[in-house]
């Protein structure tokens, strides 16, 4: 039995030279303020909402274009780490109280201690950052679905709205879902952030005033690029429930 996840954080990972731009954009989008900077190079910050617990952080990365990842917060970090390793994950870095792991398909994630978080931030201007989407080449898609389903047995693991999607939904009250997306071609595994939007066009217009750019459109989503160069999606889902309209 794996450790129950008691809270989740979504990370926007952005190049260190664009860290300030990322922080300015994502605080505006989520109606939050920055915590004090942390880390050896002041590369971590938490986005603090008013009257609720945080569930989004920004990390400056020294190499690469960044992306996104999840922190899974539990009462027993070694227990979650052991379960992940049994299911095929790899240890990337082990710290005093937390660990960085890589899923069998190559997605980094963290096991971190639960700090008592309970109150999910509200919907902000008709949208909510509520999902980390794993972008998976066909060769690892099935293994990733199996891994996340087994690691999170008390979450609801179900096919998505299209054959290339699979959703792993948390119990009520937890702030972040996982969407697994099977790509059309072989390329390295990555991840991006998704926002549930009551009105995609209105949210897109506001994000563009904050420096974002629209890249493409799908059946119920718009792909965006933030001012720090990170790709994310605006999706036509209910911001309260995370589900697609009936």
Protein backbone atom coordinates (compact mmCIF):
# COMPACT_ATOMS: atom_id res chain seq x y z
CA UNK A 1 0.00 0.00 0.00
CA UNK A 2 1.42 3.36 -1.00
CA UNK A 3 1.30 6.46 1.19
CA UNK A 4 -1.85 8.59 0.76
CA UNK A 5 -1.12 11.96 -0.82
CA UNK A 6 -2.41 14.74 1.44
CA UNK A 7 -1.59 17.77 -0.77
CA UNK A 8 -0.10 18.56 -4.16
CA UNK A 9 1.94 21.39 -5.65
CA UNK A 10 2.35 22.21 -9.33
CA UNK A 11 5.72 23.70 -10.28
CA UNK A 12 6.33 26.05 -13.19
CA UNK A 13 9.98 25.31 -14.03
CA UNK A 14 11.54 28.14 -16.02
CA UNK A 15 15.09 29.13 -17.04
CA UNK A 16 16.80 31.10 -14.29
CA UNK A 17 17.37 34.09 -16.55
CA UNK A 18 13.57 34.34 -17.02
CA UNK A 19 12.64 33.55 -13.42
CA UNK A 20 11.44 37.07 -12.59
CA UNK A 21 9.22 37.19 -15.67
CA UNK A 22 7.73 33.82 -14.76
CA UNK A 23 7.03 34.95 -11.19
CA UNK A 24 5.37 38.18 -12.32
CA UNK A 25 3.14 36.38 -14.81
CA UNK A 26 2.05 33.47 -12.63
CA UNK A 27 1.31 35.62 -9.59
CA UNK A 28 -0.93 37.80 -11.76
CA UNK A 29 -2.67 34.77 -13.32
CA UNK A 30 -3.32 33.08 -9.96
CA UNK A 31 -3.97 36.25 -7.92
CA UNK A 32 -1.17 35.43 -5.49
CA UNK A 33 1.95 37.02 -4.02
CA UNK A 34 5.47 35.64 -3.84
CA UNK A 35 6.95 34.06 -0.75
CA UNK A 36 10.54 34.79 0.19
CA UNK A 37 12.98 33.25 -2.26
CA UNK A 38 14.62 29.98 -1.18
CA UNK A 39 17.43 27.76 -2.34
CA UNK A 40 21.17 28.11 -2.79
CA UNK A 41 20.64 30.40 -5.78
CA UNK A 42 17.27 31.88 -4.66
CA UNK A 43 15.66 29.69 -7.29
CA UNK A 44 12.44 28.67 -5.48
CA UNK A 45 9.34 30.64 -4.56
CA UNK A 46 5.80 29.75 -3.53
CA UNK A 47 2.75 31.60 -4.86
CA UNK A 48 0.75 32.57 -1.79
CA UNK A 49 -3.03 33.04 -2.11
CA UNK A 50 -5.08 35.07 0.35
CA UNK A 51 -7.14 32.99 2.75
CA UNK A 52 -6.10 29.59 1.39
CA UNK A 53 -3.14 27.24 1.19
CA UNK A 54 -0.59 27.48 -1.60
CA UNK A 55 -0.49 24.85 -4.35
CA UNK A 56 1.74 26.45 -7.02
CA UNK A 57 5.47 27.17 -6.98
CA UNK A 58 7.99 28.55 -9.46
CA UNK A 59 11.50 27.15 -9.84
CA UNK A 60 14.37 28.64 -11.78
CA UNK A 61 16.38 25.95 -13.60
CA UNK A 62 20.01 26.30 -14.60
CA UNK A 63 19.80 24.32 -17.84
CA UNK A 64 17.15 23.63 -20.45
CA UNK A 65 13.82 25.27 -21.17
CA UNK A 66 12.07 24.08 -18.02
CA UNK A 67 8.53 22.73 -18.06
CA UNK A 68 6.48 21.56 -15.09
CA UNK A 69 6.43 18.93 -12.37
CA UNK A 70 4.43 17.80 -9.34
CA UNK A 71 5.23 17.64 -5.66
CA UNK A 72 3.31 14.90 -3.85
CA UNK A 73 3.04 15.76 -0.15
CA UNK A 74 2.66 12.93 2.37
CA UNK A 75 3.02 12.23 6.07
CA UNK A 76 5.68 9.57 5.40
CA UNK A 77 8.09 10.59 2.63
CA UNK A 78 10.25 7.42 2.85
CA UNK A 79 7.12 5.33 2.43
CA UNK A 80 6.11 7.13 -0.77
CA UNK A 81 9.67 6.95 -2.08
CA UNK A 82 9.83 3.20 -1.42
CA UNK A 83 6.52 2.65 -3.20
CA UNK A 84 7.62 4.70 -6.21
CA UNK A 85 10.90 2.79 -6.47
CA UNK A 86 9.06 -0.54 -6.29
CA UNK A 87 6.90 0.60 -9.19
CA UNK A 88 9.90 1.44 -11.38
CA UNK A 89 10.78 5.03 -10.52
CA UNK A 90 14.40 6.15 -10.20
CA UNK A 91 15.92 8.26 -7.43
CA UNK A 92 17.43 11.49 -8.76
CA UNK A 93 18.28 13.25 -5.49
CA UNK A 94 17.64 12.41 -1.84
CA UNK A 95 17.52 15.25 0.68
CA UNK A 96 16.93 15.34 4.43
CA UNK A 97 13.14 15.62 4.22
CA UNK A 98 12.28 15.27 0.54
CA UNK A 99 13.35 13.46 -2.60
CA UNK A 100 13.41 13.99 -6.36
CA UNK A 101 12.39 10.98 -8.42
CA UNK A 102 11.86 10.13 -12.07
CA UNK A 103 8.90 8.08 -13.27
CA UNK A 104 9.52 5.05 -15.53
CA UNK A 105 8.72 7.19 -18.57
CA UNK A 106 11.11 9.97 -17.58
CA UNK A 107 9.01 12.57 -15.73
CA UNK A 108 10.59 14.14 -12.65
CA UNK A 109 8.46 14.59 -9.54
CA UNK A 110 9.08 15.16 -5.84
CA UNK A 111 8.04 13.42 -2.64
CA UNK A 112 7.72 16.07 0.06
CA UNK A 113 6.43 16.32 3.64
CA UNK A 114 2.87 17.46 4.21
CA UNK A 115 2.80 20.79 6.07
CA UNK A 116 -0.87 20.72 7.08
CA UNK A 117 -2.25 22.27 3.88
CA UNK A 118 -6.01 21.79 3.59
CA UNK A 119 -7.70 24.79 1.96
CA UNK A 120 -7.70 24.90 -1.83
CA UNK A 121 -7.35 28.35 -3.46
CA UNK A 122 -10.54 29.63 -5.10
CA UNK A 123 -11.29 30.14 -8.78
CA UNK A 124 -9.70 33.40 -9.94
CA UNK A 125 -11.41 35.45 -12.67
CA UNK A 126 -13.09 32.40 -14.11
CA UNK A 127 -10.03 30.13 -14.20
CA UNK A 128 -8.00 27.86 -11.94
CA UNK A 129 -4.59 26.26 -12.36
CA UNK A 130 -5.55 22.69 -11.48
CA UNK A 131 -3.68 20.23 -13.68
CA UNK A 132 -0.20 19.04 -14.64
CA UNK A 133 -0.19 17.41 -18.07
CA UNK A 134 2.50 14.83 -18.83
CA UNK A 135 3.45 14.89 -22.52
CA UNK A 136 4.43 11.30 -23.29
CA UNK A 137 5.88 9.59 -26.38
CA UNK A 138 3.89 6.52 -27.49
CA UNK A 139 6.60 4.12 -26.29
CA UNK A 140 6.12 5.05 -22.60
CA UNK A 141 2.46 6.09 -22.46
CA UNK A 142 1.02 2.77 -21.23
CA UNK A 143 3.76 2.37 -18.63
CA UNK A 144 3.14 5.88 -17.31
CA UNK A 145 -0.60 5.30 -17.02
CA UNK A 146 0.12 2.10 -15.08
CA UNK A 147 2.71 3.80 -12.83
CA UNK A 148 0.58 6.77 -11.78
CA UNK A 149 -2.49 4.58 -11.33
CA UNK A 150 -0.56 2.26 -9.02
CA UNK A 151 1.26 5.02 -7.13
CA UNK A 152 -2.00 6.87 -6.41
CA UNK A 153 -4.49 4.06 -5.71
CA UNK A 154 -7.01 6.30 -3.95
CA UNK A 155 -7.18 8.62 -6.99
CA UNK A 156 -9.65 8.02 -9.83
CA UNK A 157 -7.76 6.80 -12.91
CA UNK A 158 -9.99 7.02 -16.00
CA UNK A 159 -9.74 7.43 -19.80
CA UNK A 160 -9.93 11.01 -21.00
CA UNK A 161 -12.24 12.65 -23.53
CA UNK A 162 -10.05 11.54 -26.45
CA UNK A 163 -8.13 8.26 -26.97
CA UNK A 164 -4.78 9.97 -26.43
CA UNK A 165 -5.70 11.21 -22.93
CA UNK A 166 -5.90 9.56 -19.52
CA UNK A 167 -6.85 11.42 -16.33
CA UNK A 168 -5.78 10.67 -12.75
CA UNK A 169 -8.13 12.65 -10.51
CA UNK A 170 -7.38 13.28 -6.81
CA UNK A 171 -9.82 12.86 -3.96
CA UNK A 172 -12.00 15.92 -3.21
CA UNK A 173 -10.10 18.87 -1.80
CA UNK A 174 -6.70 18.22 -3.37
CA UNK A 175 -5.76 20.96 -5.83
CA UNK A 176 -3.97 19.24 -8.73
CA UNK A 177 -5.02 16.58 -11.25
CA UNK A 178 -2.71 14.66 -13.58
CA UNK A 179 -3.45 14.41 -17.29
CA UNK A 180 -1.40 11.94 -19.34
CA UNK A 181 -1.21 12.81 -23.03
CA UNK A 182 0.08 10.38 -25.67
CA UNK A 183 2.03 12.37 -28.26
CA UNK A 184 1.94 11.61 -31.97
CA UNK A 185 5.70 11.09 -32.20
CA UNK A 186 8.66 9.85 -30.19
CA UNK A 187 10.33 12.65 -28.26
CA UNK A 188 11.50 13.16 -24.68
CA UNK A 189 8.88 13.15 -21.94
CA UNK A 190 7.88 16.59 -20.71
CA UNK A 191 5.11 18.32 -18.78
CA UNK A 192 3.13 21.53 -18.81
CA UNK A 193 0.53 23.32 -16.70
CA UNK A 194 -3.19 23.45 -17.53
CA UNK A 195 -5.81 25.92 -16.36
CA UNK A 196 -9.53 25.10 -16.26
CA UNK A 197 -11.41 28.03 -17.80
CA UNK A 198 -15.08 28.96 -17.79
CA UNK A 199 -14.39 31.09 -20.90
CA UNK A 200 -11.18 30.30 -22.82
CA UNK A 201 -11.40 33.39 -25.02
CA UNK A 202 -11.77 35.75 -22.06
CA UNK A 203 -8.93 34.09 -20.15
CA UNK A 204 -6.73 34.16 -23.23
CA UNK A 205 -7.37 37.89 -23.70
CA UNK A 206 -6.39 38.63 -20.11
CA UNK A 207 -3.26 36.48 -20.33
CA UNK A 208 -2.23 38.28 -23.50
CA UNK A 209 -2.40 41.61 -21.67
CA UNK A 210 0.06 40.06 -19.19
CA UNK A 211 2.51 39.12 -21.97
CA UNK A 212 1.42 35.61 -22.97
CA UNK A 213 1.03 34.50 -26.60
CA UNK A 214 -1.44 32.06 -28.13
CA UNK A 215 0.27 29.29 -30.13
CA UNK A 216 -2.50 26.95 -31.33
CA UNK A 217 -6.04 25.74 -30.69
CA UNK A 218 -7.57 22.30 -30.11
CA UNK A 219 -11.12 21.05 -29.74
CA UNK A 220 -11.44 22.43 -26.19
CA UNK A 221 -8.08 23.98 -25.42
CA UNK A 222 -5.72 26.76 -26.47
CA UNK A 223 -1.94 26.35 -26.23
CA UNK A 224 -0.18 29.42 -24.81
CA UNK A 225 3.38 30.59 -24.18
CA UNK A 226 4.05 32.65 -21.06
CA UNK A 227 6.48 35.62 -20.97
CA UNK A 228 9.23 33.31 -19.64
CA UNK A 229 8.92 31.02 -22.67
CA UNK A 230 6.98 28.22 -20.95
CA UNK A 231 4.12 26.48 -22.74
CA UNK A 232 0.83 25.93 -20.91
CA UNK A 233 -2.81 25.32 -21.88
CA UNK A 234 -6.15 26.98 -21.31
CA UNK A 235 -8.74 24.21 -21.26
CA UNK A 236 -12.53 24.36 -21.46
CA UNK A 237 -13.26 22.64 -18.17
CA UNK A 238 -15.34 23.64 -15.16
CA UNK A 239 -12.93 25.55 -12.86
CA UNK A 240 -14.79 24.31 -9.79
CA UNK A 241 -14.86 20.58 -10.61
CA UNK A 242 -12.14 20.23 -13.26
CA UNK A 243 -14.52 18.28 -15.49
CA UNK A 244 -15.58 18.92 -19.06
CA UNK A 245 -19.00 20.51 -19.64
CA UNK A 246 -21.83 18.01 -19.98
